Amino acid sequence: MTIQRSIRKGVESGTKTGKTRVVPMIKTLKETLIKWIGTSQRIYLFPKPYTDSPYSDSRTIVDKYYKPLLKRLSLEYRVLYNTRHSFTSVAVENKIPISTVSKCLGHSVLSTTERFYLQFGNANQDDIRDQLENLTA
């Protein structure tokens, strides 16, 4: 998926960093989105029904789609933005290189990812212990 612009506070503009980025996605998601878009030639991935225009803020999306989805899945509500933290923690715990995770998040500097998303508590303690043991071997 290519991200070229965003909507913040109801105003459409370029991305926050001013750079276009490509976000990798798993095959199942890609196939589902291609099917969703179909031959519609829509500009926005999730436009308002009947208008094909973007939502001006995330509140409608959260209330109309995200909360009902979580309820159907019997999952506890979390602020939508927190999914970035969840993604980051799961990716790092599954040994995806932090540089790759950083690119997925759209960070131009690795230290941004390290500063805002990584905490010692996210790491697998056995892995840390093994790595520290290897330093002294």
Protein backbone atom coordinates (compact mmCIF):
# COMPACT_ATOMS: atom_id res chain seq x y z
CA MET A 1 0.00 0.00 0.00
CA THR A 2 1.35 3.43 -0.91
CA ILE A 3 0.66 6.31 1.47
CA GLN A 4 0.87 9.68 -0.26
CA ARG A 5 -1.37 11.95 1.80
CA SER A 6 -3.25 12.12 5.06
CA ILE A 7 -6.16 13.88 6.66
CA ARG A 8 -5.52 15.64 9.95
CA LYS A 9 -8.16 17.71 11.68
CA GLY A 10 -10.31 17.56 8.55
CA VAL A 11 -7.60 18.91 6.24
CA GLU A 12 -6.13 16.76 3.49
CA SER A 13 -2.45 17.29 2.83
CA GLY A 14 0.76 15.38 2.25
CA THR A 15 2.05 12.96 4.82
CA LYS A 16 3.33 14.25 8.14
CA THR A 17 6.92 13.76 7.01
CA GLY A 18 6.26 14.97 3.46
CA LYS A 19 7.40 11.62 2.06
CA THR A 20 5.47 8.95 0.19
CA ARG A 21 5.95 5.52 1.72
CA VAL A 22 5.12 1.96 0.86
CA VAL A 23 3.77 -0.21 3.64
CA PRO A 24 4.29 -3.96 3.24
CA MET A 25 1.31 -6.17 3.96
CA ILE A 26 0.59 -9.85 4.26
CA LYS A 27 -0.83 -11.65 1.24
CA THR A 28 -4.29 -12.20 2.77
CA LEU A 29 -4.72 -8.51 3.57
CA LYS A 30 -3.50 -7.44 0.15
CA GLU A 31 -5.91 -9.82 -1.60
CA THR A 32 -8.79 -8.65 0.60
CA LEU A 33 -8.08 -4.98 -0.11
CA ILE A 34 -7.75 -5.59 -3.85
CA LYS A 35 -11.12 -7.35 -3.77
CA TRP A 36 -12.59 -4.50 -1.68
CA ILE A 37 -11.39 -1.87 -4.13
CA GLY A 38 -12.33 -4.00 -7.14
CA THR A 39 -12.73 -1.99 -10.31
CA SER A 40 -14.21 1.00 -8.52
CA GLN A 41 -11.31 3.35 -9.28
CA ARG A 42 -11.83 4.90 -5.85
CA ILE A 43 -9.21 7.31 -4.60
CA TYR A 44 -9.67 6.63 -0.90
CA LEU A 45 -9.43 3.18 0.64
CA PHE A 46 -12.31 3.74 3.06
CA PRO A 47 -14.46 6.60 1.75
CA LYS A 48 -17.82 7.75 3.07
CA PRO A 49 -20.61 5.62 1.61
CA TYR A 50 -22.35 7.17 -1.44
CA THR A 51 -19.97 10.14 -1.69
CA ASP A 52 -16.52 8.56 -2.22
CA SER A 53 -15.12 11.44 -0.17
CA PRO A 54 -12.88 10.96 2.87
CA TYR A 55 -14.00 11.14 6.45
CA SER A 56 -12.88 14.40 8.07
CA ASP A 57 -11.83 12.70 11.31
CA SER A 58 -11.51 9.23 12.75
CA ARG A 59 -14.40 9.48 15.24
CA THR A 60 -17.01 8.26 12.73
CA ILE A 61 -14.80 5.36 11.63
CA VAL A 62 -14.14 4.35 15.23
CA ASP A 63 -17.81 4.55 16.28
CA LYS A 64 -19.34 3.03 13.15
CA TYR A 65 -16.79 0.35 12.23
CA TYR A 66 -13.96 -0.18 14.72
CA LYS A 67 -15.95 -0.51 17.97
CA PRO A 68 -18.57 -2.86 16.43
CA LEU A 69 -15.75 -4.99 14.97
CA LEU A 70 -14.07 -5.30 18.36
CA LYS A 71 -17.40 -6.21 19.93
CA ARG A 72 -18.05 -8.94 17.31
CA LEU A 73 -14.57 -10.32 18.01
CA SER A 74 -15.09 -10.10 21.81
CA LEU A 75 -12.06 -7.84 22.11
CA GLU A 76 -11.67 -5.05 24.62
CA TYR A 77 -11.78 -1.51 23.20
CA ARG A 78 -8.43 0.18 22.68
CA VAL A 79 -7.75 3.55 21.18
CA LEU A 80 -7.17 2.98 17.46
CA TYR A 81 -3.77 4.68 17.55
CA ASN A 82 -2.61 2.14 20.15
CA THR A 83 -2.63 -0.54 17.45
CA ARG A 84 0.73 0.93 16.35
CA HIS A 85 2.17 0.01 19.74
CA SER A 86 0.64 -3.47 19.55
CA PHE A 87 2.03 -4.01 16.05
CA THR A 88 5.46 -2.85 17.13
CA SER A 89 5.56 -5.06 20.22
CA VAL A 90 4.36 -8.15 18.37
CA ALA A 91 6.76 -7.56 15.46
CA VAL A 92 9.78 -7.12 17.74
CA GLU A 93 8.83 -10.12 19.89
CA ASN A 94 8.69 -12.16 16.66
CA LYS A 95 12.22 -11.06 15.77
CA ILE A 96 11.34 -8.76 12.87
CA PRO A 97 14.35 -6.43 12.64
CA ILE A 98 13.71 -3.08 14.32
CA SER A 99 14.84 -1.33 11.13
CA THR A 100 12.02 -3.08 9.22
CA VAL A 101 9.48 -2.23 11.93
CA SER A 102 10.62 1.38 11.83
CA LYS A 103 10.06 1.56 8.07
CA CYS A 104 6.58 0.05 8.45
CA LEU A 105 5.74 2.77 10.96
CA GLY A 106 6.97 5.45 8.55
CA HIS A 107 9.81 6.64 10.74
CA SER A 108 12.70 8.20 8.86
CA VAL A 109 15.05 7.78 11.83
CA LEU A 110 15.42 4.49 13.72
CA SER A 111 15.78 6.26 17.06
CA THR A 112 12.17 7.48 16.78
CA THR A 113 10.96 3.88 16.85
CA GLU A 114 13.28 2.99 19.69
CA ARG A 115 12.30 6.05 21.75
CA PHE A 116 8.52 5.89 21.39
CA TYR A 117 7.68 2.24 20.89
CA LEU A 118 10.27 0.00 22.45
CA GLN A 119 10.41 -0.64 26.13
CA PHE A 120 12.44 -3.23 27.93
CA GLY A 121 9.20 -4.89 29.06
CA ASN A 122 8.26 -5.67 25.45
CA ALA A 123 11.26 -7.91 24.94
CA ASN A 124 11.27 -11.63 25.62
CA GLN A 125 13.17 -11.96 28.90
CA ASP A 126 14.64 -15.38 28.00
CA ASP A 127 16.03 -13.94 24.75
CA ILE A 128 17.62 -11.05 26.63
CA ARG A 129 19.14 -13.43 29.18
CA ASP A 130 20.53 -15.66 26.40
CA GLN A 131 22.00 -12.69 24.57
CA LEU A 132 23.64 -11.41 27.73
CA GLU A 133 25.01 -14.91 28.45
CA ASN A 134 26.51 -14.98 24.93
CA LEU A 135 28.38 -11.76 25.67
CA THR A 136 30.25 -13.45 28.50
CA ALA A 137 30.86 -16.80 26.76
